[in-house]
Amino acid sequence: MDLGIKGKRALVCASSKGLGLACARALAGEGVDLIMNARGSEALEEAAEAIRAEFGVQVVTVACDVTSLDGQARLIEAATGVDILINNAGGPPPGMWTDWDREDFLAALEANMLTPITMIKALVPGMIDKGWGRVVNITSQSVKAPIAVLGLSNSARAGLTGYVAGTSRQVAALGVNINNLLPGSHDTDRILALDQGTSQKSGISFDEARAQRQSTIPAGRDGNPRDFGATCAFMCSQYANFMVGQNVLLDGGNVNATI
C-alpha cells in the first residue's frame, strides 16, 4: 500500500529509541524526510545514520530536550514548514498519590501537555497554509483507563487529549488532521524500567514481575515497536483524511471497554 507521503517532511520528537524511533523508521520507509530529536546526541546520531543508510532519506538531527523552552525554540526553527509532526516525550515517574507535590504536577504538565501544545501551535499554521498536514501525539492507554501508579501521566496526558479534541475539529476542514496514538505495554526501555521497579518494590525477580504484568494483557505479551510505528505512519497517510480527533489504542486489548 502506498501511503502517499513520499517526499513529505516530518518532525519526530524523542526519536532516538523506543516508540519514537519506531515511528521515525516507519515514516522513513515511506520516503519521508526526517527531523529527529533526542536529548542524547550519541544515540540520536547513531539512529539517524542507520535510517539514512537503510532508507536513503534526508535526516536532520537536533539534540535537545523538547520539554525545555530552548529545545522547543531550536526544534521549531529546524522544523519550519514540516508536513508531519509526531509529538512524543518520556512520561513522568510512577508513584503513589501521596508522593506528588505541586512541582511534580507542573513538571508533568510541561512535558506531556504543554510541550506538544507548543509544537502544535508553532507548526500547524504552516500546514494550514499548504492545505495538508498530520499531527500524531503519542500519549498512553492511561487516558482511556487510568493507571494508578502513573497519576502524573494520567493527569497531563488527559489534559492534552482534551485540547486535541477541540483543536482537531477546528483545523480539519483546513486539511490538517490531529489524532492521538495510545500505546499500552511495548517492548521498550520505559517498560523495562517499570518492571525493574516492580521487582525491587515487591521483592520478586524481574522475570516474575514481567510475567505478572503480561498476564493481565489479553494478547499475553508486550507490543512490537515496529507495529506501533506502522500504525503511526498510516495515521499520517493519505488514507487518514477522515480521521479527526481520535484516540487509537494499541494495547493488546488491555483496556476492557466496548467503546
C-alpha atoms as a PDB file:
ATOM      1  CA  MET A   1       0.000   0.000   0.000  1.00  0.00           C
ATOM      2  CA  ASP A   2       1.379   3.410  -0.983  1.00  0.00           C
ATOM      3  CA  LEU A   3       0.648   5.750   1.922  1.00  0.00           C
ATOM      4  CA  GLY A   4       1.089   8.765  -0.360  1.00  0.00           C
ATOM      5  CA  ILE A   5       3.575  10.630   1.828  1.00  0.00           C
ATOM      6  CA  LYS A   6       6.825  10.128  -0.061  1.00  0.00           C
ATOM      7  CA  GLY A   7       8.764  13.398  -0.134  1.00  0.00           C
ATOM      8  CA  LYS A   8       6.976  14.858   2.887  1.00  0.00           C
ATOM      9  CA  ARG A   9       8.965  16.169   5.869  1.00  0.00           C
ATOM     10  CA  ALA A  10       8.310  15.112   9.443  1.00  0.00           C
ATOM     11  CA  LEU A  11       9.484  16.150  12.877  1.00  0.00           C
ATOM     12  CA  VAL A  12       9.594  13.149  15.197  1.00  0.00           C
ATOM     13  CA  CYS A  13      10.267  14.142  18.791  1.00  0.00           C
ATOM     14  CA  ALA A  14      12.176  11.891  21.205  1.00  0.00           C
ATOM     15  CA  SER A  15      13.080   9.544  18.365  1.00  0.00           C
ATOM     16  CA  SER A  16      16.481   8.047  19.166  1.00  0.00           C
ATOM     17  CA  LYS A  17      14.935   4.916  20.679  1.00  0.00           C
ATOM     18  CA  GLY A  18      11.691   3.213  21.640  1.00  0.00           C
ATOM     19  CA  LEU A  19       8.370   4.147  20.099  1.00  0.00           C
ATOM     20  CA  GLY A  20       9.651   7.447  18.726  1.00  0.00           C
ATOM     21  CA  LEU A  21      12.371   5.665  16.779  1.00  0.00           C
ATOM     22  CA  ALA A  22       9.844   3.115  15.537  1.00  0.00           C
ATOM     23  CA  CYS A  23       7.708   5.943  14.153  1.00  0.00           C
ATOM     24  CA  ALA A  24      10.713   7.617  12.532  1.00  0.00           C
ATOM     25  CA  ARG A  25      11.741   4.361  10.849  1.00  0.00           C
ATOM     26  CA  ALA A  26       8.231   3.667   9.585  1.00  0.00           C
ATOM     27  CA  LEU A  27       7.941   7.146   8.072  1.00  0.00           C
ATOM     28  CA  ALA A  28      11.403   6.875   6.516  1.00  0.00           C
ATOM     29  CA  GLY A  29      10.320   3.585   4.990  1.00  0.00           C
ATOM     30  CA  GLU A  30       7.596   5.542   3.195  1.00  0.00           C
ATOM     31  CA  GLY A  31      10.112   8.028   1.808  1.00  0.00           C
ATOM     32  CA  VAL A  32       9.552  10.780   4.376  1.00  0.00           C
ATOM     33  CA  ASP A  33      12.497  13.073   5.183  1.00  0.00           C
ATOM     34  CA  LEU A  34      13.013  13.494   8.909  1.00  0.00           C
ATOM     35  CA  ILE A  35      13.966  15.896  11.635  1.00  0.00           C
ATOM     36  CA  MET A  36      14.860  13.677  14.582  1.00  0.00           C
ATOM     37  CA  ASN A  37      15.247  14.808  18.162  1.00  0.00           C
ATOM     38  CA  ALA A  38      16.529  13.406  21.434  1.00  0.00           C
ATOM     39  CA  ARG A  39      18.453  14.634  24.449  1.00  0.00           C
ATOM     40  CA  GLY A  40      21.429  12.322  23.948  1.00  0.00           C
ATOM     41  CA  SER A  41      23.395  13.246  20.835  1.00  0.00           C
ATOM     42  CA  GLU A  42      25.305   9.961  20.539  1.00  0.00           C
ATOM     43  CA  ALA A  43      22.228   7.702  20.409  1.00  0.00           C
ATOM     44  CA  LEU A  44      20.459  10.228  18.183  1.00  0.00           C
ATOM     45  CA  GLU A  45      23.247  10.360  15.606  1.00  0.00           C
ATOM     46  CA  GLU A  46      23.547   6.581  15.589  1.00  0.00           C
ATOM     47  CA  ALA A  47      19.820   6.160  14.945  1.00  0.00           C
ATOM     48  CA  ALA A  48      19.806   8.857  12.263  1.00  0.00           C
ATOM     49  CA  GLU A  49      22.760   7.373  10.393  1.00  0.00           C
ATOM     50  CA  ALA A  50      21.139   3.937  10.406  1.00  0.00           C
ATOM     51  CA  ILE A  51      17.972   5.399   8.896  1.00  0.00           C
ATOM     52  CA  ARG A  52      19.907   7.308   6.222  1.00  0.00           C
ATOM     53  CA  ALA A  53      21.779   4.162   5.259  1.00  0.00           C
ATOM     54  CA  GLU A  54      18.727   1.903   5.161  1.00  0.00           C
ATOM     55  CA  PHE A  55      16.097   4.170   3.615  1.00  0.00           C
ATOM     56  CA  GLY A  56      18.045   6.857   1.736  1.00  0.00           C
ATOM     57  CA  VAL A  57      16.046   9.759   3.146  1.00  0.00           C
ATOM     58  CA  GLN A  58      17.355  13.064   4.455  1.00  0.00           C
ATOM     59  CA  VAL A  59      17.666  13.197   8.234  1.00  0.00           C
ATOM     60  CA  VAL A  60      18.404  16.332  10.237  1.00  0.00           C
ATOM     61  CA  THR A  61      19.173  15.870  13.936  1.00  0.00           C
ATOM     62  CA  VAL A  62      18.535  18.301  16.779  1.00  0.00           C
ATOM     63  CA  ALA A  63      19.944  17.152  20.109  1.00  0.00           C
ATOM     64  CA  CYS A  64      17.930  18.920  22.789  1.00  0.00           C
ATOM     65  CA  ASP A  65      15.319  18.465  25.481  1.00  0.00           C
ATOM     66  CA  VAL A  66      11.981  19.007  23.736  1.00  0.00           C
ATOM     67  CA  THR A  67      10.363  19.848  27.080  1.00  0.00           C
ATOM     68  CA  SER A  68      12.642  22.881  27.596  1.00  0.00           C
ATOM     69  CA  LEU A  69      11.930  26.313  26.134  1.00  0.00           C
ATOM     70  CA  ASP A  70      15.344  26.421  24.445  1.00  0.00           C
ATOM     71  CA  GLY A  71      14.844  22.968  22.990  1.00  0.00           C
ATOM     72  CA  GLN A  72      11.430  23.862  21.662  1.00  0.00           C
ATOM     73  CA  ALA A  73      12.776  27.006  20.012  1.00  0.00           C
ATOM     74  CA  ARG A  74      15.550  25.044  18.287  1.00  0.00           C
ATOM     75  CA  LEU A  75      13.172  22.361  17.082  1.00  0.00           C
ATOM     76  CA  ILE A  76      10.625  24.839  15.783  1.00  0.00           C
ATOM     77  CA  GLU A  77      13.338  26.647  13.816  1.00  0.00           C
ATOM     78  CA  ALA A  78      14.595  23.394  12.302  1.00  0.00           C
ATOM     79  CA  ALA A  79      11.101  22.080  11.559  1.00  0.00           C
ATOM     80  CA  THR A  80       9.511  25.146   9.995  1.00  0.00           C
ATOM     81  CA  GLY A  81       7.427  24.002   7.030  1.00  0.00           C
ATOM     82  CA  VAL A  82       7.110  20.335   8.018  1.00  0.00           C
ATOM     83  CA  ASP A  83       4.106  18.357   6.824  1.00  0.00           C
ATOM     84  CA  ILE A  84       4.003  15.914   9.733  1.00  0.00           C
ATOM     85  CA  LEU A  85       4.506  16.351  13.473  1.00  0.00           C
ATOM     86  CA  ILE A  86       4.933  13.408  15.835  1.00  0.00           C
ATOM     87  CA  ASN A  87       4.769  14.642  19.413  1.00  0.00           C
ATOM     88  CA  ASN A  88       6.486  12.382  21.898  1.00  0.00           C
ATOM     89  CA  ALA A  89       8.190  12.728  25.270  1.00  0.00           C
ATOM     90  CA  GLY A  90       9.018  10.365  28.090  1.00  0.00           C
ATOM     91  CA  GLY A  91       6.475  10.040  30.848  1.00  0.00           C
ATOM     92  CA  PRO A  92       6.942  11.131  34.456  1.00  0.00           C
ATOM     93  CA  PRO A  93       7.988   8.613  37.109  1.00  0.00           C
ATOM     94  CA  PRO A  94       5.481   6.293  38.797  1.00  0.00           C
ATOM     95  CA  GLY A  95       4.480   6.589  42.428  1.00  0.00           C
ATOM     96  CA  MET A  96       1.651   6.960  44.902  1.00  0.00           C
ATOM     97  CA  TRP A  97      -0.727   9.889  45.160  1.00  0.00           C
ATOM     98  CA  THR A  98       0.989  10.923  48.401  1.00  0.00           C
ATOM     99  CA  ASP A  99       4.335  11.243  46.605  1.00  0.00           C
ATOM    100  CA  TRP A 100       3.428  14.105  44.291  1.00  0.00           C
ATOM    101  CA  ASP A 101       3.568  17.808  45.079  1.00  0.00           C
ATOM    102  CA  ARG A 102       2.650  20.858  43.021  1.00  0.00           C
ATOM    103  CA  GLU A 103       6.086  20.954  41.407  1.00  0.00           C
ATOM    104  CA  ASP A 104       5.734  17.350  40.248  1.00  0.00           C
ATOM    105  CA  PHE A 105       2.435  18.092  38.540  1.00  0.00           C
ATOM    106  CA  LEU A 106       3.792  21.242  36.909  1.00  0.00           C
ATOM    107  CA  ALA A 107       6.732  19.280  35.502  1.00  0.00           C
ATOM    108  CA  ALA A 108       4.404  16.582  34.165  1.00  0.00           C
ATOM    109  CA  LEU A 109       2.103  19.149  32.580  1.00  0.00           C
ATOM    110  CA  GLU A 110       5.061  20.909  30.972  1.00  0.00           C
ATOM    111  CA  ALA A 111       6.438  17.708  29.469  1.00  0.00           C
ATOM    112  CA  ASN A 112       3.312  15.822  28.437  1.00  0.00           C
ATOM    113  CA  MET A 113       0.716  18.523  27.822  1.00  0.00           C
ATOM    114  CA  LEU A 114       2.195  21.991  27.271  1.00  0.00           C
ATOM    115  CA  THR A 115       5.161  20.848  25.152  1.00  0.00           C
ATOM    116  CA  PRO A 116       3.053  19.137  22.458  1.00  0.00           C
ATOM    117  CA  ILE A 117       0.625  22.062  22.514  1.00  0.00           C
ATOM    118  CA  THR A 118       3.540  24.430  21.904  1.00  0.00           C
ATOM    119  CA  MET A 119       4.706  22.363  18.932  1.00  0.00           C
ATOM    120  CA  ILE A 120       1.176  22.181  17.509  1.00  0.00           C
ATOM    121  CA  LYS A 121       0.680  25.938  17.767  1.00  0.00           C
ATOM    122  CA  ALA A 122       4.041  26.610  16.123  1.00  0.00           C
ATOM    123  CA  LEU A 123       3.891  24.131  13.228  1.00  0.00           C
ATOM    124  CA  VAL A 124       0.224  23.618  12.339  1.00  0.00           C
ATOM    125  CA  PRO A 125      -0.177  27.112  10.814  1.00  0.00           C
ATOM    126  CA  GLY A 126       2.380  26.163   8.153  1.00  0.00           C
ATOM    127  CA  MET A 127       0.419  23.009   7.419  1.00  0.00           C
ATOM    128  CA  ILE A 128      -2.764  25.050   7.086  1.00  0.00           C
ATOM    129  CA  ASP A 129      -1.023  27.335   4.591  1.00  0.00           C
ATOM    130  CA  LYS A 130      -0.243  24.290   2.429  1.00  0.00           C
ATOM    131  CA  GLY A 131      -3.678  22.757   2.904  1.00  0.00           C
ATOM    132  CA  TRP A 132      -2.271  19.461   4.209  1.00  0.00           C
ATOM    133  CA  GLY A 133      -0.804  18.247   7.475  1.00  0.00           C
ATOM    134  CA  ARG A 134      -0.754  15.456  10.026  1.00  0.00           C
ATOM    135  CA  VAL A 135      -0.158  15.551  13.768  1.00  0.00           C
ATOM    136  CA  VAL A 136       0.084  12.382  15.822  1.00  0.00           C
ATOM    137  CA  ASN A 137       0.523  12.714  19.573  1.00  0.00           C
ATOM    138  CA  ILE A 138       1.942   9.650  21.314  1.00  0.00           C
ATOM    139  CA  THR A 139       0.099   9.580  24.621  1.00  0.00           C
ATOM    140  CA  SER A 140      -0.889   6.479  26.623  1.00  0.00           C
ATOM    141  CA  GLN A 141      -3.599   3.915  27.219  1.00  0.00           C
ATOM    142  CA  SER A 142      -3.964   5.652  30.595  1.00  0.00           C
ATOM    143  CA  VAL A 143      -6.154   8.368  29.065  1.00  0.00           C
ATOM    144  CA  LYS A 144      -8.744   5.651  28.429  1.00  0.00           C
ATOM    145  CA  ALA A 145      -8.173   3.649  31.609  1.00  0.00           C
ATOM    146  CA  PRO A 146      -6.082   5.405  34.289  1.00  0.00           C
ATOM    147  CA  ILE A 147      -3.127   3.520  35.760  1.00  0.00           C
ATOM    148  CA  ALA A 148      -2.948   4.193  39.493  1.00  0.00           C
ATOM    149  CA  VAL A 149       0.838   4.419  39.816  1.00  0.00           C
ATOM    150  CA  LEU A 150       1.049   6.746  36.799  1.00  0.00           C
ATOM    151  CA  GLY A 151      -1.083   9.534  38.218  1.00  0.00           C
ATOM    152  CA  LEU A 152       1.170  12.285  36.888  1.00  0.00           C
ATOM    153  CA  SER A 153       0.979  10.845  33.385  1.00  0.00           C
ATOM    154  CA  ASN A 154      -2.771  10.236  33.676  1.00  0.00           C
ATOM    155  CA  SER A 155      -3.335  13.891  34.501  1.00  0.00           C
ATOM    156  CA  ALA A 156      -1.073  15.512  31.932  1.00  0.00           C
ATOM    157  CA  ARG A 157      -1.965  13.290  29.001  1.00  0.00           C
ATOM    158  CA  ALA A 158      -5.672  13.573  29.697  1.00  0.00           C
ATOM    159  CA  GLY A 159      -5.253  17.342  29.507  1.00  0.00           C
ATOM    160  CA  LEU A 160      -3.594  17.070  26.094  1.00  0.00           C
ATOM    161  CA  THR A 161      -6.391  14.767  24.937  1.00  0.00           C
ATOM    162  CA  GLY A 162      -8.966  17.389  25.823  1.00  0.00           C
ATOM    163  CA  TYR A 163      -7.028  20.061  23.950  1.00  0.00           C
ATOM    164  CA  VAL A 164      -6.730  17.883  20.849  1.00  0.00           C
ATOM    165  CA  ALA A 165     -10.445  17.034  20.938  1.00  0.00           C
ATOM    166  CA  GLY A 166     -11.323  20.672  20.336  1.00  0.00           C
ATOM    167  CA  THR A 167      -8.387  21.830  18.234  1.00  0.00           C
ATOM    168  CA  SER A 168      -8.559  18.914  15.780  1.00  0.00           C
ATOM    169  CA  ARG A 169     -12.104  19.836  14.869  1.00  0.00           C
ATOM    170  CA  GLN A 170     -11.163  23.450  14.252  1.00  0.00           C
ATOM    171  CA  VAL A 171      -8.457  22.633  11.707  1.00  0.00           C
ATOM    172  CA  ALA A 172      -9.887  19.533   9.990  1.00  0.00           C
ATOM    173  CA  ALA A 173     -11.567  21.489   7.201  1.00  0.00           C
ATOM    174  CA  LEU A 174      -8.238  23.200   6.514  1.00  0.00           C
ATOM    175  CA  GLY A 175      -6.558  19.923   5.557  1.00  0.00           C
ATOM    176  CA  VAL A 176      -4.838  19.170   8.873  1.00  0.00           C
ATOM    177  CA  ASN A 177      -5.662  16.028  10.833  1.00  0.00           C
ATOM    178  CA  ILE A 178      -4.685  15.754  14.505  1.00  0.00           C
ATOM    179  CA  ASN A 179      -5.019  12.444  16.337  1.00  0.00           C
ATOM    180  CA  ASN A 180      -3.569  10.587  19.295  1.00  0.00           C
ATOM    181  CA  LEU A 181      -1.883   7.184  19.360  1.00  0.00           C
ATOM    182  CA  LEU A 182      -2.225   5.425  22.715  1.00  0.00           C
ATOM    183  CA  PRO A 183       0.357   2.737  23.470  1.00  0.00           C
ATOM    184  CA  GLY A 184      -0.052   0.069  26.059  1.00  0.00           C
ATOM    185  CA  SER A 185       2.938  -2.019  27.107  1.00  0.00           C
ATOM    186  CA  HIS A 186       5.523  -2.250  24.345  1.00  0.00           C
ATOM    187  CA  ASP A 187       8.985  -3.746  24.399  1.00  0.00           C
ATOM    188  CA  THR A 188      10.828  -0.506  25.222  1.00  0.00           C
ATOM    189  CA  ASP A 189      13.169   0.885  27.884  1.00  0.00           C
ATOM    190  CA  ARG A 190      10.181   2.505  29.612  1.00  0.00           C
ATOM    191  CA  ILE A 191       8.506  -0.844  30.265  1.00  0.00           C
ATOM    192  CA  LEU A 192      11.847  -2.339  31.268  1.00  0.00           C
ATOM    193  CA  ALA A 193      12.220   0.344  33.949  1.00  0.00           C
ATOM    194  CA  LEU A 194       8.679  -0.182  35.235  1.00  0.00           C
ATOM    195  CA  ASP A 195       9.238  -3.934  35.548  1.00  0.00           C
ATOM    196  CA  GLN A 196      12.518  -3.351  37.346  1.00  0.00           C
ATOM    197  CA  GLY A 197      10.767  -1.017  39.767  1.00  0.00           C
ATOM    198  CA  THR A 198       8.051  -3.575  40.462  1.00  0.00           C
ATOM    199  CA  SER A 199      10.677  -6.229  41.026  1.00  0.00           C
ATOM    200  CA  GLN A 200      12.517  -4.144  43.593  1.00  0.00           C
ATOM    201  CA  LYS A 201       9.437  -2.923  45.460  1.00  0.00           C
ATOM    202  CA  SER A 202       7.732  -6.319  45.547  1.00  0.00           C
ATOM    203  CA  GLY A 203      10.805  -8.385  46.305  1.00  0.00           C
ATOM    204  CA  ILE A 204      10.318 -10.657  43.315  1.00  0.00           C
ATOM    205  CA  SER A 205      12.521 -11.409  40.343  1.00  0.00           C
ATOM    206  CA  PHE A 206      12.431  -9.307  37.212  1.00  0.00           C
ATOM    207  CA  ASP A 207      11.068 -12.241  35.220  1.00  0.00           C
ATOM    208  CA  GLU A 208       8.273 -12.725  37.762  1.00  0.00           C
ATOM    209  CA  ALA A 209       7.392  -9.035  37.652  1.00  0.00           C
ATOM    210  CA  ARG A 210       7.256  -9.081  33.861  1.00  0.00           C
ATOM    211  CA  ALA A 211       5.234 -12.290  33.742  1.00  0.00           C
ATOM    212  CA  GLN A 212       2.707 -10.931  36.243  1.00  0.00           C
ATOM    213  CA  ARG A 213       2.222  -7.760  34.200  1.00  0.00           C
ATOM    214  CA  GLN A 214       1.986  -9.543  30.859  1.00  0.00           C
ATOM    215  CA  SER A 215      -0.574 -11.968  32.276  1.00  0.00           C
ATOM    216  CA  THR A 216      -3.020  -9.055  32.547  1.00  0.00           C
ATOM    217  CA  ILE A 217      -2.740  -8.291  28.800  1.00  0.00           C
ATOM    218  CA  PRO A 218      -5.254 -10.263  26.695  1.00  0.00           C
ATOM    219  CA  ALA A 219      -2.653 -10.650  23.943  1.00  0.00           C
ATOM    220  CA  GLY A 220      -0.346 -12.233  26.529  1.00  0.00           C
ATOM    221  CA  ARG A 221       2.710 -10.221  25.503  1.00  0.00           C
ATOM    222  CA  ASP A 222       4.118  -6.760  25.002  1.00  0.00           C
ATOM    223  CA  GLY A 223       3.660  -4.933  21.731  1.00  0.00           C
ATOM    224  CA  ASN A 224       6.283  -4.744  18.987  1.00  0.00           C
ATOM    225  CA  PRO A 225       7.513  -1.160  18.432  1.00  0.00           C
ATOM    226  CA  ARG A 226       7.700  -1.880  14.683  1.00  0.00           C
ATOM    227  CA  ASP A 227       3.935  -2.436  14.575  1.00  0.00           C
ATOM    228  CA  PHE A 228       3.394   0.756  16.550  1.00  0.00           C
ATOM    229  CA  GLY A 229       5.471   2.717  14.043  1.00  0.00           C
ATOM    230  CA  ALA A 230       3.496   1.273  11.122  1.00  0.00           C
ATOM    231  CA  THR A 231       0.242   2.397  12.725  1.00  0.00           C
ATOM    232  CA  CYS A 232       1.667   5.869  13.215  1.00  0.00           C
ATOM    233  CA  ALA A 233       2.698   6.018   9.557  1.00  0.00           C
ATOM    234  CA  PHE A 234      -0.811   5.036   8.473  1.00  0.00           C
ATOM    235  CA  MET A 235      -2.269   7.817  10.639  1.00  0.00           C
ATOM    236  CA  CYS A 236      -0.027  10.220   8.698  1.00  0.00           C
ATOM    237  CA  SER A 237      -1.067   8.828   5.314  1.00  0.00           C
ATOM    238  CA  GLN A 238      -3.348   9.931   2.515  1.00  0.00           C
ATOM    239  CA  TYR A 239      -5.874   7.408   3.818  1.00  0.00           C
ATOM    240  CA  ALA A 240      -6.313   9.168   7.167  1.00  0.00           C
ATOM    241  CA  ASN A 241      -8.143  12.157   5.704  1.00  0.00           C
ATOM    242  CA  PHE A 242     -11.328  11.387   7.636  1.00  0.00           C
ATOM    243  CA  MET A 243      -9.661  10.567  10.971  1.00  0.00           C
ATOM    244  CA  VAL A 244     -10.155  13.596  13.209  1.00  0.00           C
ATOM    245  CA  GLY A 245      -9.501  13.879  16.938  1.00  0.00           C
ATOM    246  CA  GLN A 246      -9.372  10.146  17.519  1.00  0.00           C
ATOM    247  CA  ASN A 247      -7.608   8.158  20.240  1.00  0.00           C
ATOM    248  CA  VAL A 248      -6.222   4.987  18.681  1.00  0.00           C
ATOM    249  CA  LEU A 249      -5.412   2.275  21.228  1.00  0.00           C
ATOM    250  CA  LEU A 250      -2.532  -0.146  20.673  1.00  0.00           C
ATOM    251  CA  ASP A 251      -2.594  -2.049  23.932  1.00  0.00           C
ATOM    252  CA  GLY A 252      -3.135  -5.727  23.179  1.00  0.00           C
ATOM    253  CA  GLY A 253      -6.697  -5.447  24.457  1.00  0.00           C
ATOM    254  CA  ASN A 254      -5.633  -4.260  27.896  1.00  0.00           C
ATOM    255  CA  VAL A 255      -8.295  -1.567  28.134  1.00  0.00           C
ATOM    256  CA  ASN A 256     -11.512  -3.510  28.722  1.00  0.00           C
ATOM    257  CA  ALA A 257     -14.106  -1.255  27.132  1.00  0.00           C
ATOM    258  CA  THR A 258     -16.807  -1.591  24.500  1.00  0.00           C
ATOM    259  CA  ILE A 259     -16.099   1.858  23.002  1.00  0.00           C
END
